[in-house]
Amino acid sequence: SEAIRIGDPQDPATELGPLATLRQRDWIEKVVAESLVAGGRLVTGGTRPTGDGFYYAPTIIDAGGSDLPCVREELFGPVLSVLAFDSEAQALALANDTPFGLASGVFTSNLGKAHRMARDIHAGVVWVNTYRSVSPLVPFGGYGLSGLGREGGLDAIRDYTRSKSVWINTSDEPIPDPFVMR
């Protein structure tokens, strides 16, 4: 993560721009600090780069367990919490031990395992051997506390649409019996 170029998002050489707000950067700093006090081990990052802007260095924390704040919170920042596991079942339990469920990533060379994990992870998006691939043609949205509805694809059209049925009798004749099917 030290090689990632942090800077102005308008500079084509930049790989990581600033966070959206000061409040977001302060929140991430707080969660990282609390996680280290609670037993997490800083692998890299955890600092503000020099210069103006709401920048935060890419950070990796060896979490050791799923009870640390960096694991429990949805940070939306450049923080990776690493948890070790011994089995597919344990990895699935760790992945689903959250009230959130926006997106997840599975990295494996075993196609069967990839399909099982993608099916069983409680997240609106599951990336396999990739991360952050998106398309406006495909629904995007979370499970649990990670949002309602979907953006993209036909699901988004349904989210932005309220259907309504309107029946109009245009005849000048008296209204027929409404209980007779026509």
Protein backbone atom coordinates (compact mmCIF):
# COMPACT_ATOMS: atom_id res chain seq x y z
CA SER A 1 0.00 0.00 0.00
CA GLU A 2 2.98 2.34 0.40
CA ALA A 3 3.39 2.42 -3.40
CA ILE A 4 -0.15 3.71 -4.00
CA ARG A 5 -0.03 7.27 -5.37
CA ILE A 6 -2.17 9.52 -3.19
CA GLY A 7 -3.15 12.91 -4.55
CA ASP A 8 -5.42 15.15 -6.56
CA PRO A 9 -8.12 13.05 -8.26
CA GLN A 10 -7.78 15.22 -11.38
CA ASP A 11 -4.17 14.11 -11.80
CA PRO A 12 -4.13 11.00 -14.05
CA ALA A 13 -1.22 9.58 -12.03
CA THR A 14 -3.29 9.59 -8.81
CA GLU A 15 -4.45 6.17 -7.62
CA LEU A 16 -6.18 7.26 -4.40
CA GLY A 17 -7.89 10.58 -3.86
CA PRO A 18 -9.21 12.21 -0.69
CA LEU A 19 -12.17 11.14 1.38
CA ALA A 20 -15.37 13.10 0.76
CA THR A 21 -15.43 15.01 4.06
CA LEU A 22 -13.37 15.91 7.10
CA ARG A 23 -15.97 14.14 9.23
CA GLN A 24 -15.39 10.90 7.30
CA ARG A 25 -11.61 11.11 7.72
CA ASP A 26 -11.98 11.82 11.44
CA TRP A 27 -14.35 8.84 11.78
CA ILE A 28 -11.88 6.51 10.05
CA GLU A 29 -9.00 7.75 12.22
CA LYS A 30 -11.11 7.16 15.34
CA VAL A 31 -12.09 3.62 14.33
CA VAL A 32 -8.51 2.70 13.41
CA ALA A 33 -7.20 4.08 16.74
CA GLU A 34 -9.87 2.21 18.71
CA SER A 35 -9.08 -0.98 16.81
CA LEU A 36 -5.38 -0.74 17.65
CA VAL A 37 -6.12 -0.11 21.34
CA ALA A 38 -8.46 -3.14 21.29
CA GLY A 39 -5.70 -5.43 20.03
CA GLY A 40 -5.46 -4.95 16.29
CA ARG A 41 -1.98 -4.85 14.78
CA LEU A 42 -1.15 -2.12 12.27
CA VAL A 43 0.50 -3.68 9.23
CA THR A 44 0.78 -0.46 7.23
CA GLY A 45 -0.76 3.00 6.95
CA GLY A 46 -2.88 4.46 9.71
CA THR A 47 -1.69 8.01 9.05
CA ARG A 48 -2.63 11.21 7.25
CA PRO A 49 -0.41 11.99 4.30
CA THR A 50 1.08 15.48 4.35
CA GLY A 51 -0.64 18.25 2.44
CA ASP A 52 -4.10 19.71 2.21
CA GLY A 53 -7.24 17.65 1.76
CA PHE A 54 -9.08 14.86 3.52
CA TYR A 55 -6.52 12.19 2.75
CA TYR A 56 -5.92 8.99 4.68
CA ALA A 57 -3.19 6.51 3.86
CA PRO A 58 -4.18 3.01 2.74
CA THR A 59 -4.26 1.02 5.95
CA ILE A 60 -4.08 -2.70 6.70
CA ILE A 61 -4.94 -4.00 10.17
CA ASP A 62 -4.36 -7.57 11.31
CA ALA A 63 -7.63 -7.76 13.23
CA GLY A 64 -7.09 -11.07 14.98
CA GLY A 65 -10.82 -11.32 15.71
CA SER A 66 -14.15 -10.10 14.44
CA ASP A 67 -14.93 -7.95 17.49
CA LEU A 68 -12.66 -5.01 16.59
CA PRO A 69 -14.29 -1.74 15.46
CA CYS A 70 -12.45 -1.87 12.11
CA VAL A 71 -14.25 -5.15 11.41
CA ARG A 72 -17.65 -4.24 12.87
CA GLU A 73 -18.07 -0.81 11.22
CA GLU A 74 -18.75 0.09 7.59
CA LEU A 75 -15.89 2.57 7.05
CA PHE A 76 -16.02 3.61 3.38
CA GLY A 77 -12.34 4.41 3.44
CA PRO A 78 -8.97 2.87 2.56
CA VAL A 79 -8.87 0.42 5.49
CA LEU A 80 -8.52 -3.35 5.07
CA SER A 81 -9.15 -5.50 8.13
CA VAL A 82 -7.56 -8.94 7.79
CA LEU A 83 -9.02 -11.96 9.58
CA ALA A 84 -7.51 -15.44 9.45
CA PHE A 85 -9.71 -18.52 9.04
CA ASP A 86 -9.16 -22.27 8.86
CA SER A 87 -12.13 -23.44 6.81
CA GLU A 88 -14.68 -22.35 4.25
CA ALA A 89 -17.39 -22.57 6.92
CA GLN A 90 -15.42 -20.30 9.26
CA ALA A 91 -14.76 -17.79 6.45
CA LEU A 92 -18.48 -17.72 5.66
CA ALA A 93 -19.38 -17.24 9.33
CA LEU A 94 -16.92 -14.32 9.59
CA ALA A 95 -18.22 -12.75 6.37
CA ASN A 96 -21.82 -12.92 7.55
CA ASP A 97 -21.18 -11.81 11.14
CA THR A 98 -22.27 -8.23 10.45
CA PRO A 99 -25.46 -6.20 10.23
CA PHE A 100 -24.11 -4.74 6.96
CA GLY A 101 -23.90 -6.33 3.54
CA LEU A 102 -23.05 -3.96 0.72
CA ALA A 103 -20.30 -5.87 -1.05
CA SER A 104 -17.79 -8.65 -0.57
CA GLY A 105 -14.86 -10.21 -2.34
CA VAL A 106 -13.85 -13.85 -2.65
CA PHE A 107 -10.42 -14.79 -3.94
CA THR A 108 -9.93 -18.47 -4.76
CA SER A 109 -8.75 -20.80 -7.51
CA ASN A 110 -11.54 -23.27 -6.62
CA LEU A 111 -14.59 -22.57 -8.80
CA GLY A 112 -16.92 -24.68 -6.65
CA LYS A 113 -15.88 -22.78 -3.54
CA ALA A 114 -16.38 -19.49 -5.38
CA HIS A 115 -19.95 -20.44 -6.28
CA ARG A 116 -20.77 -21.65 -2.76
CA MET A 117 -19.38 -18.53 -1.13
CA ALA A 118 -21.09 -16.21 -3.63
CA ARG A 119 -24.40 -17.97 -2.96
CA ASP A 120 -24.08 -17.97 0.84
CA ILE A 121 -22.51 -14.57 1.60
CA HIS A 122 -25.19 -12.10 2.73
CA ALA A 123 -24.19 -9.16 0.53
CA GLY A 124 -25.77 -7.37 -2.38
CA VAL A 125 -22.60 -7.71 -4.46
CA VAL A 126 -20.07 -10.53 -4.45
CA TRP A 127 -16.92 -10.12 -6.52
CA VAL A 128 -14.90 -13.27 -7.26
CA ASN A 129 -11.20 -12.84 -8.04
CA THR A 130 -11.78 -9.13 -8.72
CA TYR A 131 -12.98 -6.11 -6.79
CA ARG A 132 -15.06 -3.02 -7.54
CA SER A 133 -16.20 -4.09 -11.02
CA VAL A 134 -19.42 -2.22 -11.80
CA SER A 135 -21.79 -1.68 -14.70
CA PRO A 136 -24.96 0.40 -15.00
CA LEU A 137 -26.57 -2.70 -16.52
CA VAL A 138 -26.21 -4.72 -13.31
CA PRO A 139 -28.05 -4.09 -10.01
CA PHE A 140 -25.92 -2.66 -7.19
CA GLY A 141 -27.07 -2.38 -3.59
CA GLY A 142 -26.69 -3.88 -0.16
CA TYR A 143 -28.34 -6.21 2.31
CA GLY A 144 -29.14 -5.46 5.94
CA LEU A 145 -28.16 -1.99 7.12
CA SER A 146 -26.25 -1.33 3.89
CA GLY A 147 -29.12 0.25 2.07
CA LEU A 148 -32.47 -0.23 0.52
CA GLY A 149 -33.18 -0.86 -3.12
CA ARG A 150 -30.84 -1.20 -6.04
CA GLU A 151 -29.08 1.11 -8.46
CA GLY A 152 -28.46 -0.07 -12.00
CA GLY A 153 -30.23 -2.62 -14.15
CA LEU A 154 -33.96 -3.26 -14.28
CA ASP A 155 -34.12 -3.25 -10.46
CA ALA A 156 -33.23 0.45 -10.47
CA ILE A 157 -35.99 1.22 -12.93
CA ARG A 158 -38.42 -0.55 -10.61
CA ASP A 159 -37.08 1.44 -7.64
CA TYR A 160 -37.74 4.73 -9.42
CA THR A 161 -41.16 3.67 -10.68
CA ARG A 162 -44.50 3.52 -8.93
CA SER A 163 -46.90 1.51 -11.00
CA LYS A 164 -50.55 2.38 -11.08
CA SER A 165 -53.55 0.78 -12.78
CA VAL A 166 -56.17 3.13 -14.19
CA TRP A 167 -59.34 1.85 -15.83
CA ILE A 168 -61.51 4.37 -17.67
CA ASN A 169 -64.90 3.67 -19.12
CA THR A 170 -65.16 5.91 -22.17
CA SER A 171 -68.63 4.75 -23.12
CA ASP A 172 -71.67 6.97 -22.84
CA GLU A 173 -73.67 3.89 -21.88
CA PRO A 174 -74.67 3.26 -18.26
CA ILE A 175 -71.98 1.61 -16.14
CA PRO A 176 -72.21 -2.15 -16.59
CA ASP A 177 -72.39 -4.52 -13.63
CA PRO A 178 -68.89 -4.29 -12.04
CA PHE A 179 -69.15 -7.84 -10.71
CA VAL A 180 -69.36 -9.44 -14.15
CA MET A 181 -66.00 -10.29 -15.73
CA ARG A 182 -65.59 -8.97 -19.28
